[in-house]
Amino acid sequence: MPAPPLPIAKGNETLSLLPGMTNRHGLVAGATGTGKTVTLRVLAERLSRIGVPVFLADVKGDLSGMALAAEPDEKMLERVKRLGATLEPSGTPVVFWDVFGEQGHPLRATVSEMGPVLLSRMLDLNDVQEGVLSLAFKIADDEGLLLLDLKDLRALLQHVAERASELQKTLGNVSPASVGAIQRQVLVLEQQGGERFFGEPALDLNDLLEVDGRGEGIVNVLAADKLLQSPRLYSTFLLWLLSELYEHLPELGDPEKPRLVFFFDEAHLLFRDAPKPLLEKVEQVVRLVRSKGVGVFFVTQNPLDVPETVLGQLGNRVQHALRAFTPRDQKAVRTAAETFRQNPKIDAAAAITELGVGEALVSLLDGKGTPVPVDRAFVLPPRSRLVPLSAEERKRVMKASPLKGKYDETVDRESAYERLLARAEERSAEASAPRPGGRGRAAEPRSEVADTLGAMAKSVARSAGTQIGRELVRGILGSLFGSGRRR
């Protein structure tokens, strides 16, 4: 039985998101304070209710309240009445995650899983340095070196630097300056919290695809308020997670409802200063992950933040108000208006600047995958609590989590660091080990000069008893010690 439509907003009529069209992706845009976060919350609640797991980043720390039922105030009740809607307060099943392990389960990945391309983005490397890092990953693969955490990466880079002259013959030039620059960037990443992110136990993607005992999808909330202070770490991590879902999930085609819906908040951070190869990777993942049953919603202030190649793949649109104070703002308004399927009753360009808080221009896909004409509507109130959880309430939710204990303790198994350290110790032991011909220190190889002097000494010893021999000895000693005076 197909999943029922999900009411999202109400204008002249109720506007509903079709679950089967959610994996055609979407965009939620609008200026600060216009209601994007509430729209994201409403979408997540509706999807969870029909058994669809959700992953979203809580960049402002105000989504934790989704775990508890709404506490309607007069303002909310008045809005519900005005819209002719019904309010059924209820919480959603929530699992909290945190890269730093402070406000949720530690969320980790291994260096190998991240790969050289995304890691180069995270480290802000140039093309030459990215090439050196890719070479280092190849050496790790060839030599069976596991790259799990940052100390493994540092050990590998040192290993590459020590073998630079050898590698140059087969793999190309490895500049010590490039290796040093990468090592410095690794240190910066470590200070930003990367040391906690890289390691084991790494995230099991299946843990993001769970439903609770009532059949409701788990809402996975990533505490990102602190993570957002390191924008490259934040954006690259979310892109890595999306790429992992694409690579590991089986093909699903067009399901009646998605397997997972992924909300990418502050999406402009993903595309800012991104090199062309990275943009191509984002476009490819967004285009192909649909067939894996994954829907992606980009949440950002300005639709111009999203490249056209990606924007063209976002079928479901919720556009909140934009402020046209600058030429760029005016261009954004025109762009947003032109991307909607036009409605003769609405001047979209004018409406975008007039929308109130919680009001939006909405265009969703119909059953054939065609955008319906844009309509002006108010987003329905959320069922969960708008106020964030207190520290004590968050602890209670985490204590009841089905993943409690799985990720709490770090595991440090043998990997590149331990293997390379063992090799260095073996070489050191071999260099200092006794060898035949001497005690303690290794015997020195004999030179041709030493052999010649030895032969001379034997000859002198045989003739020392003769007069000629005695004169020869005195001559040699005089030459050696400066006392060649004859008696």
Protein backbone atom coordinates (compact mmCIF):
# COMPACT_ATOMS: atom_id res chain seq x y z
CA MET A 1 0.00 0.00 0.00
CA PRO A 2 1.53 3.36 -1.03
CA ALA A 3 2.48 5.74 1.77
CA PRO A 4 0.00 8.63 2.17
CA PRO A 5 0.90 12.18 1.07
CA LEU A 6 2.61 14.27 3.75
CA PRO A 7 0.92 17.64 4.42
CA ILE A 8 3.62 20.33 4.57
CA ALA A 9 1.95 23.70 4.06
CA LYS A 10 -1.47 25.24 3.56
CA GLY A 11 -2.55 28.11 1.35
CA ASN A 12 -5.65 28.02 -0.78
CA GLU A 13 -5.30 24.27 -0.44
CA THR A 14 -3.09 21.82 1.46
CA LEU A 15 0.27 21.19 -0.19
CA SER A 16 1.63 17.69 0.37
CA LEU A 17 4.93 15.98 -0.29
CA LEU A 18 4.57 12.62 -2.01
CA PRO A 19 6.84 10.04 -0.29
CA GLY A 20 7.58 8.35 -3.62
CA MET A 21 8.94 11.65 -4.99
CA THR A 22 11.13 12.48 -1.99
CA ASN A 23 14.19 10.82 -3.51
CA ARG A 24 13.96 13.39 -6.33
CA HIS A 25 15.56 15.70 -3.77
CA GLY A 26 14.64 19.21 -2.68
CA LEU A 27 15.65 22.72 -1.67
CA VAL A 28 14.66 24.78 1.35
CA ALA A 29 15.92 28.35 0.99
CA GLY A 30 15.37 31.73 2.58
CA ALA A 31 16.97 34.51 4.55
CA THR A 32 17.87 34.13 8.21
CA GLY A 33 14.84 34.11 10.48
CA THR A 34 12.24 33.33 7.81
CA GLY A 35 11.41 29.79 8.97
CA LYS A 36 13.78 27.38 7.19
CA THR A 37 14.57 25.43 10.37
CA VAL A 38 10.88 24.91 11.18
CA THR A 39 10.28 23.71 7.62
CA LEU A 40 13.15 21.25 7.96
CA ARG A 41 11.66 20.04 11.25
CA VAL A 42 8.18 19.56 9.74
CA LEU A 43 9.58 17.59 6.81
CA ALA A 44 11.59 15.36 9.15
CA GLU A 45 8.60 14.74 11.44
CA ARG A 46 6.29 13.78 8.59
CA LEU A 47 8.84 11.40 7.10
CA SER A 48 9.58 9.78 10.46
CA ARG A 49 5.87 9.19 11.04
CA ILE A 50 5.62 6.97 7.93
CA GLY A 51 8.73 4.97 8.83
CA VAL A 52 11.44 6.88 6.93
CA PRO A 53 14.73 7.45 8.82
CA VAL A 54 16.19 10.94 8.61
CA PHE A 55 19.66 12.41 9.03
CA LEU A 56 20.00 16.11 9.74
CA ALA A 57 22.57 18.50 11.16
CA ASP A 58 21.59 20.71 14.08
CA VAL A 59 23.76 23.73 13.33
CA LYS A 60 22.13 26.07 15.85
CA GLY A 61 21.39 23.61 18.63
CA ASP A 62 17.61 24.07 18.44
CA LEU A 63 16.49 20.76 16.89
CA SER A 64 17.01 18.59 19.95
CA GLY A 65 13.45 19.36 21.09
CA MET A 66 12.16 17.02 18.37
CA ALA A 67 12.51 14.22 20.91
CA LEU A 68 9.56 15.60 22.95
CA ALA A 69 5.98 16.58 22.15
CA ALA A 70 5.12 20.20 21.39
CA GLU A 71 3.90 22.46 24.17
CA PRO A 72 1.45 24.71 22.26
CA ASP A 73 1.37 28.37 23.24
CA GLU A 74 -1.22 30.97 22.29
CA LYS A 75 0.69 31.97 19.17
CA MET A 76 0.85 28.39 17.87
CA LEU A 77 -2.79 27.68 18.70
CA GLU A 78 -3.87 30.85 16.91
CA ARG A 79 -1.89 29.84 13.83
CA VAL A 80 -3.36 26.34 13.83
CA LYS A 81 -6.86 27.82 14.03
CA ARG A 82 -6.17 30.33 11.25
CA LEU A 83 -4.91 27.59 8.93
CA GLY A 84 -7.81 25.27 9.77
CA ALA A 85 -5.27 22.59 10.67
CA THR A 86 -5.13 20.10 13.51
CA LEU A 87 -2.25 19.81 15.97
CA GLU A 88 -1.28 16.41 17.36
CA PRO A 89 1.65 17.03 19.71
CA SER A 90 4.12 14.16 19.66
CA GLY A 91 7.86 13.63 19.83
CA THR A 92 9.91 11.71 17.31
CA PRO A 93 12.39 8.90 18.03
CA VAL A 94 15.76 10.65 18.09
CA VAL A 95 19.37 9.45 18.20
CA PHE A 96 21.97 12.12 18.90
CA TRP A 97 25.40 12.09 17.24
CA ASP A 98 28.42 14.29 17.82
CA VAL A 99 31.85 14.18 16.17
CA PHE A 100 33.31 15.36 19.49
CA GLY A 101 31.36 12.80 21.54
CA GLU A 102 29.97 15.45 23.89
CA GLN A 103 26.30 15.83 22.91
CA GLY A 104 25.71 12.45 21.32
CA HIS A 105 27.26 9.16 20.25
CA PRO A 106 30.79 9.67 18.85
CA LEU A 107 30.63 9.67 15.07
CA ARG A 108 33.86 8.46 13.49
CA ALA A 109 35.32 7.47 10.14
CA THR A 110 38.69 6.00 9.23
CA VAL A 111 41.27 7.86 7.15
CA SER A 112 41.04 5.13 4.49
CA GLU A 113 37.26 5.55 4.22
CA MET A 114 37.62 9.29 3.77
CA GLY A 115 40.04 8.78 0.85
CA PRO A 116 42.60 11.18 -0.63
CA VAL A 117 40.15 13.37 -2.59
CA LEU A 118 37.89 14.35 0.31
CA LEU A 119 40.79 14.43 2.74
CA SER A 120 42.60 16.88 0.44
CA ARG A 121 39.51 19.09 0.54
CA MET A 122 39.41 18.85 4.31
CA LEU A 123 43.12 19.75 4.53
CA ASP A 124 42.82 22.53 1.92
CA LEU A 125 45.65 21.10 -0.21
CA ASN A 126 46.72 22.37 -3.62
CA ASP A 127 46.96 20.11 -6.68
CA VAL A 128 50.60 19.14 -6.10
CA GLN A 129 50.00 18.30 -2.45
CA GLU A 130 46.88 16.33 -3.34
CA GLY A 131 49.00 14.31 -5.78
CA VAL A 132 51.51 13.51 -3.04
CA LEU A 133 48.70 12.47 -0.70
CA SER A 134 47.22 10.19 -3.37
CA LEU A 135 50.66 8.63 -3.83
CA ALA A 136 50.87 8.04 -0.08
CA PHE A 137 47.50 6.26 -0.13
CA LYS A 138 48.71 4.06 -3.00
CA ILE A 139 51.81 3.07 -1.01
CA ALA A 140 49.60 2.24 1.97
CA ASP A 141 47.45 -0.01 -0.24
CA ASP A 142 50.47 -1.69 -1.82
CA GLU A 143 52.12 -2.39 1.54
CA GLY A 144 48.95 -3.39 3.39
CA LEU A 145 49.06 -0.46 5.81
CA LEU A 146 45.74 0.31 7.48
CA LEU A 147 44.99 4.03 7.78
CA LEU A 148 42.59 4.40 10.68
CA ASP A 149 43.46 7.60 12.54
CA LEU A 150 45.64 10.69 12.20
CA LYS A 151 48.70 9.11 13.78
CA ASP A 152 48.57 6.49 11.02
CA LEU A 153 48.49 9.28 8.45
CA ARG A 154 51.42 11.10 10.06
CA ALA A 155 53.46 7.89 10.18
CA LEU A 156 52.69 7.20 6.51
CA LEU A 157 53.74 10.70 5.47
CA GLN A 158 57.04 10.31 7.36
CA HIS A 159 57.54 6.94 5.66
CA VAL A 160 56.99 8.55 2.24
CA ALA A 161 59.40 11.39 3.03
CA GLU A 162 62.15 8.94 4.05
CA ARG A 163 61.73 7.02 0.78
CA ALA A 164 61.46 10.08 -1.45
CA SER A 165 64.59 9.34 -3.52
CA GLU A 166 63.56 5.71 -4.00
CA LEU A 167 59.97 6.57 -4.96
CA GLN A 168 61.11 9.18 -7.45
CA LYS A 169 62.40 6.42 -9.75
CA THR A 170 59.01 4.71 -10.08
CA LEU A 171 56.20 7.01 -8.90
CA GLY A 172 57.49 10.50 -9.64
CA ASN A 173 58.89 13.36 -7.63
CA VAL A 174 57.98 13.55 -3.95
CA SER A 175 58.94 16.97 -2.66
CA PRO A 176 59.88 17.19 1.03
CA ALA A 177 58.26 20.63 1.01
CA SER A 178 54.93 19.15 -0.12
CA VAL A 179 55.08 16.42 2.52
CA GLY A 180 55.90 19.04 5.16
CA ALA A 181 52.95 21.21 4.07
CA ILE A 182 50.58 18.23 4.33
CA GLN A 183 51.93 17.40 7.79
CA ARG A 184 51.28 20.97 8.94
CA GLN A 185 47.71 20.83 7.64
CA VAL A 186 47.17 17.53 9.42
CA LEU A 187 48.23 19.28 12.63
CA VAL A 188 45.69 22.05 11.99
CA LEU A 189 42.96 19.48 11.36
CA GLU A 190 43.90 17.70 14.57
CA GLN A 191 43.52 20.93 16.53
CA GLN A 192 40.08 21.48 14.98
CA GLY A 193 38.84 18.14 16.32
CA GLY A 194 39.89 15.80 13.53
CA GLU A 195 41.69 13.58 16.02
CA ARG A 196 38.33 12.63 17.52
CA PHE A 197 36.63 12.16 14.17
CA PHE A 198 39.15 9.74 12.68
CA GLY A 199 39.34 6.34 14.32
CA GLU A 200 37.34 3.29 15.31
CA PRO A 201 34.72 2.05 15.86
CA ALA A 202 33.69 3.75 12.62
CA LEU A 203 30.08 4.52 11.81
CA ASP A 204 27.97 1.58 10.67
CA LEU A 205 25.68 3.05 7.99
CA ASN A 206 22.93 0.60 8.93
CA ASP A 207 22.58 2.46 12.23
CA LEU A 208 21.24 5.45 10.27
CA LEU A 209 18.51 3.35 8.64
CA GLU A 210 16.66 2.12 11.74
CA VAL A 211 13.02 2.40 12.79
CA ASP A 212 11.72 2.15 16.35
CA GLY A 213 9.30 -0.35 17.85
CA ARG A 214 6.29 1.60 16.57
CA GLY A 215 7.61 1.59 13.01
CA GLU A 216 8.61 5.27 13.03
CA GLY A 217 11.86 6.26 11.36
CA ILE A 218 14.71 7.28 13.64
CA VAL A 219 15.67 10.96 13.32
CA ASN A 220 19.48 11.08 13.51
CA VAL A 221 20.45 14.52 14.81
CA LEU A 222 24.10 15.55 14.41
CA ALA A 223 25.14 18.18 16.97
CA ALA A 224 26.90 20.57 14.59
CA ASP A 225 27.02 23.86 16.48
CA LYS A 226 30.66 23.25 17.47
CA LEU A 227 31.53 21.38 14.28
CA LEU A 228 30.40 24.36 12.21
CA GLN A 229 33.32 26.36 13.63
CA SER A 230 35.46 24.25 11.25
CA PRO A 231 33.47 24.70 8.01
CA ARG A 232 35.66 22.45 5.86
CA LEU A 233 35.48 19.63 8.38
CA TYR A 234 31.69 20.04 8.58
CA SER A 235 30.98 20.16 4.84
CA THR A 236 33.49 17.47 3.88
CA PHE A 237 32.19 15.15 6.57
CA LEU A 238 28.60 15.44 5.32
CA LEU A 239 29.72 14.92 1.73
CA TRP A 240 31.69 11.85 2.82
CA LEU A 241 28.62 10.46 4.56
CA LEU A 242 26.49 11.02 1.47
CA SER A 243 29.16 9.38 -0.70
CA GLU A 244 29.33 6.37 1.64
CA LEU A 245 25.57 5.91 1.38
CA TYR A 246 25.82 6.01 -2.40
CA GLU A 247 28.69 3.50 -2.53
CA HIS A 248 27.38 0.95 -0.05
CA LEU A 249 23.59 0.90 -0.40
CA PRO A 250 22.09 -1.48 -2.97
CA GLU A 251 20.04 -0.25 -5.91
CA LEU A 252 16.40 0.29 -5.06
CA GLY A 253 14.96 2.05 -8.12
CA ASP A 254 11.89 4.16 -7.36
CA PRO A 255 10.47 2.92 -4.03
CA GLU A 256 7.10 3.92 -2.62
CA LYS A 257 8.97 5.77 0.10
CA PRO A 258 12.67 6.55 0.51
CA ARG A 259 15.11 4.47 2.54
CA LEU A 260 16.63 7.62 4.09
CA VAL A 261 16.27 11.38 3.70
CA PHE A 262 19.40 13.47 4.21
CA PHE A 263 19.17 17.18 5.09
CA PHE A 264 22.28 19.21 4.28
CA ASP A 265 21.96 22.42 6.32
CA GLU A 266 24.22 25.42 5.59
CA ALA A 267 24.74 23.87 2.16
CA HIS A 268 26.65 26.89 0.87
CA LEU A 269 29.66 25.68 2.88
CA LEU A 270 29.88 22.62 0.64
CA PHE A 271 30.22 24.64 -2.54
CA ARG A 272 32.27 27.60 -1.31
CA ASP A 273 35.71 27.62 -3.00
CA ALA A 274 35.16 24.02 -4.10
CA PRO A 275 37.44 22.87 -6.96
CA LYS A 276 35.84 21.57 -10.14
CA PRO A 277 36.56 17.85 -9.43
CA LEU A 278 34.75 18.15 -6.10
CA LEU A 279 31.73 19.87 -7.68
CA GLU A 280 31.58 17.10 -10.25
CA LYS A 281 31.62 14.53 -7.45
CA VAL A 282 28.76 16.29 -5.64
CA GLU A 283 26.72 16.44 -8.84
CA GLN A 284 27.35 12.76 -9.54
CA VAL A 285 26.42 11.63 -6.03
CA VAL A 286 23.23 13.71 -5.94
CA ARG A 287 22.20 12.43 -9.37
CA LEU A 288 22.86 8.75 -8.69
CA VAL A 289 21.99 8.37 -5.00
CA ARG A 290 18.31 8.69 -5.94
CA SER A 291 18.30 5.12 -7.23
CA LYS A 292 19.61 3.97 -3.82
CA GLY A 293 16.41 5.25 -2.23
CA VAL A 294 18.06 8.30 -0.63
CA GLY A 295 16.57 11.77 -0.84
CA VAL A 296 18.71 14.87 -0.30
CA PHE A 297 17.39 18.28 0.76
CA PHE A 298 19.78 21.24 0.62
CA VAL A 299 19.01 23.95 3.15
CA THR A 300 20.61 27.33 2.50
CA GLN A 301 19.94 31.05 2.57
CA ASN A 302 20.30 31.80 -1.11
CA PRO A 303 19.48 29.52 -4.07
CA LEU A 304 22.53 30.97 -5.84
CA ASP A 305 24.65 29.12 -3.27
CA VAL A 306 23.88 25.87 -5.11
CA PRO A 307 25.50 25.31 -8.54
CA GLU A 308 23.07 25.11 -11.45
CA THR A 309 24.05 21.51 -12.21
CA VAL A 310 22.91 20.52 -8.72
CA LEU A 311 20.01 22.97 -8.47
CA GLY A 312 18.46 21.46 -11.58
CA GLN A 313 18.14 18.09 -9.79
CA LEU A 314 16.14 19.46 -6.83
CA GLY A 315 12.50 18.84 -7.70
CA ASN A 316 10.76 19.80 -4.45
CA ARG A 317 11.13 23.50 -3.56
CA VAL A 318 10.21 25.52 -0.48
CA GLN A 319 11.31 29.13 -0.87
CA HIS A 320 11.02 31.43 2.14
CA ALA A 321 11.51 35.18 1.99
CA LEU A 322 14.58 36.80 0.45
CA ARG A 323 15.70 40.38 0.99
CA ALA A 324 16.63 42.25 -2.19
CA PHE A 325 18.94 44.92 -0.79
CA THR A 326 21.89 44.38 -3.14
CA PRO A 327 22.28 43.54 -6.86
CA ARG A 328 23.24 39.98 -5.90
CA ASP A 329 20.11 39.69 -3.74
CA GLN A 330 17.97 40.93 -6.63
CA LYS A 331 19.56 38.36 -8.92
CA ALA A 332 18.83 35.64 -6.34
CA VAL A 333 15.17 36.71 -6.24
CA ARG A 334 14.87 36.52 -10.03
CA THR A 335 16.66 33.15 -10.10
CA ALA A 336 14.41 31.68 -7.43
CA ALA A 337 11.27 32.97 -9.14
CA GLU A 338 12.28 31.70 -12.59
CA THR A 339 12.99 28.17 -11.36
CA PHE A 340 9.39 27.62 -10.26
CA ARG A 341 6.66 26.35 -12.53
CA GLN A 342 4.74 29.56 -12.96
CA ASN A 343 1.27 30.17 -11.54
CA PRO A 344 -0.67 32.90 -13.39
CA LYS A 345 -2.27 33.96 -10.12
CA ILE A 346 1.09 34.68 -8.41
CA ASP A 347 3.91 37.07 -9.24
CA ALA A 348 6.65 34.88 -7.76
CA ALA A 349 9.41 37.52 -7.95
CA ALA A 350 7.32 40.06 -6.03
CA ALA A 351 5.98 37.50 -3.56
CA ILE A 352 9.46 36.30 -2.49
CA THR A 353 10.25 39.70 -0.98
CA GLU A 354 6.82 39.99 0.68
CA LEU A 355 6.62 36.63 2.45
CA GLY A 356 6.18 36.67 6.22
CA VAL A 357 7.85 34.43 8.77
CA GLY A 358 6.73 30.83 8.23
CA GLU A 359 5.28 31.67 4.82
CA ALA A 360 6.81 30.29 1.63
CA LEU A 361 6.44 29.72 -2.08
CA VAL A 362 6.01 25.97 -2.45
CA SER A 363 6.28 23.76 -5.52
CA LEU A 364 6.32 19.98 -5.01
CA LEU A 365 6.40 17.08 -7.47
CA ASP A 366 3.22 15.32 -8.49
CA GLY A 367 2.83 11.58 -9.04
CA LYS A 368 4.44 11.83 -12.49
CA GLY A 369 7.48 13.69 -11.20
CA THR A 370 6.33 17.03 -12.63
CA PRO A 371 6.51 20.17 -10.46
CA VAL A 372 3.09 21.57 -9.65
CA PRO A 373 2.55 25.31 -10.20
CA VAL A 374 4.02 27.39 -7.41
CA ASP A 375 1.68 28.37 -4.59
CA ARG A 376 1.94 30.72 -1.65
CA ALA A 377 1.32 28.99 1.66
CA PHE A 378 2.13 28.84 5.36
CA VAL A 379 4.19 25.91 6.62
CA LEU A 380 2.16 23.82 9.08
CA PRO A 381 3.22 23.89 12.76
CA PRO A 382 5.53 21.11 13.97
CA ARG A 383 4.28 18.41 16.32
CA SER A 384 7.44 18.39 18.42
CA ARG A 385 8.77 20.87 20.96
CA LEU A 386 10.42 24.01 19.60
CA VAL A 387 12.45 24.64 22.76
CA PRO A 388 15.78 22.73 22.82
CA LEU A 389 16.32 19.99 25.37
CA SER A 390 18.04 20.79 28.62
CA ALA A 391 21.31 19.01 29.39
CA GLU A 392 19.47 16.63 31.72
CA GLU A 393 16.78 15.84 29.14
CA ARG A 394 19.41 15.15 26.51
CA LYS A 395 21.18 12.75 28.88
CA ARG A 396 17.94 10.83 29.41
CA VAL A 397 17.38 10.50 25.66
CA MET A 398 20.97 9.32 25.15
CA LYS A 399 20.66 6.84 28.01
CA ALA A 400 17.63 5.26 26.32
CA SER A 401 19.33 5.18 22.90
CA PRO A 402 19.37 1.79 21.13
CA LEU A 403 23.05 2.46 20.28
CA LYS A 404 24.17 3.06 23.84
CA GLY A 405 27.62 1.53 24.40
CA LYS A 406 28.36 0.72 20.74
CA TYR A 407 30.49 3.76 19.93
CA ASP A 408 31.40 5.09 23.36
CA GLU A 409 34.86 3.51 23.72
CA THR A 410 37.64 4.12 21.20
CA VAL A 411 39.36 1.06 19.71
CA ASP A 412 43.02 1.34 18.64
CA ARG A 413 44.02 -1.82 16.78
CA GLU A 414 47.26 -2.46 14.89
CA SER A 415 47.49 -0.21 11.85
CA ALA A 416 50.03 1.80 9.83
CA TYR A 417 51.56 3.55 12.84
CA GLU A 418 52.30 0.31 14.71
CA ARG A 419 53.51 -1.50 11.57
CA LEU A 420 55.90 1.26 10.53
CA LEU A 421 57.17 1.66 14.10
CA ALA A 422 57.91 -2.08 14.26
CA ARG A 423 59.83 -1.88 10.97
CA ALA A 424 61.95 0.98 12.27
CA GLU A 425 62.77 -0.93 15.46
CA GLU A 426 63.78 -3.99 13.42
CA ARG A 427 66.16 -1.92 11.29
CA SER A 428 67.66 -0.34 14.39
CA ALA A 429 68.19 -3.75 16.01
CA GLU A 430 69.86 -5.14 12.89
CA ALA A 431 72.23 -2.18 12.68
CA SER A 432 73.43 -2.62 16.26
CA ALA A 433 73.54 -6.44 16.34
CA PRO A 434 77.02 -8.21 16.75
CA ARG A 435 78.55 -9.66 13.61
CA PRO A 436 81.27 -12.29 13.03
CA GLY A 437 84.76 -10.84 13.53
CA GLY A 438 84.03 -8.58 16.48
CA ARG A 439 82.28 -8.24 19.84
CA GLY A 440 79.58 -5.76 20.60
CA ARG A 441 79.91 -3.59 17.52
CA ALA A 442 79.71 -4.91 14.01
CA ALA A 443 83.05 -5.74 12.37
CA GLU A 444 84.29 -3.07 9.97
CA PRO A 445 85.05 -4.17 6.42
CA ARG A 446 88.79 -4.33 5.63
CA SER A 447 90.14 -1.82 3.13
CA GLU A 448 92.93 -2.27 0.54
CA VAL A 449 95.22 0.06 2.54
CA ALA A 450 94.76 -2.06 5.66
CA ASP A 451 95.63 -5.19 3.69
CA THR A 452 98.81 -3.55 2.30
CA LEU A 453 99.96 -2.36 5.72
CA GLY A 454 99.37 -5.86 7.10
CA ALA A 455 101.56 -7.42 4.43
CA MET A 456 104.32 -4.87 5.14
CA ALA A 457 104.16 -5.62 8.84
CA LYS A 458 104.63 -9.34 8.23
CA SER A 459 107.62 -8.67 5.95
CA VAL A 460 109.21 -6.39 8.54
CA ALA A 461 108.70 -8.98 11.27
CA ARG A 462 110.56 -11.61 9.24
CA SER A 463 113.58 -9.32 8.55
CA ALA A 464 113.73 -7.49 11.88
CA GLY A 465 116.69 -9.63 13.06
CA THR A 466 118.95 -8.43 10.23
CA GLN A 467 120.81 -5.13 9.92
CA ILE A 468 118.81 -4.21 6.85
CA GLY A 469 115.65 -5.07 8.70
CA ARG A 470 116.55 -2.87 11.64
CA GLU A 471 117.30 0.09 9.33
CA LEU A 472 113.99 -0.51 7.53
CA VAL A 473 112.05 -0.51 10.79
CA ARG A 474 113.73 2.74 11.94
CA GLY A 475 112.88 4.34 8.58
CA ILE A 476 109.23 3.36 8.76
CA LEU A 477 108.91 4.53 12.36
CA GLY A 478 110.62 7.79 11.54
CA SER A 479 108.26 8.44 8.66
CA LEU A 480 105.22 7.69 10.86
CA PHE A 481 106.25 9.58 14.01
CA GLY A 482 108.62 12.27 12.77
CA SER A 483 111.71 10.75 14.44
CA GLY A 484 113.64 9.38 11.49
CA ARG A 485 117.04 10.58 12.88
CA ARG A 486 119.76 8.03 12.26
CA ARG A 487 122.02 6.88 15.01
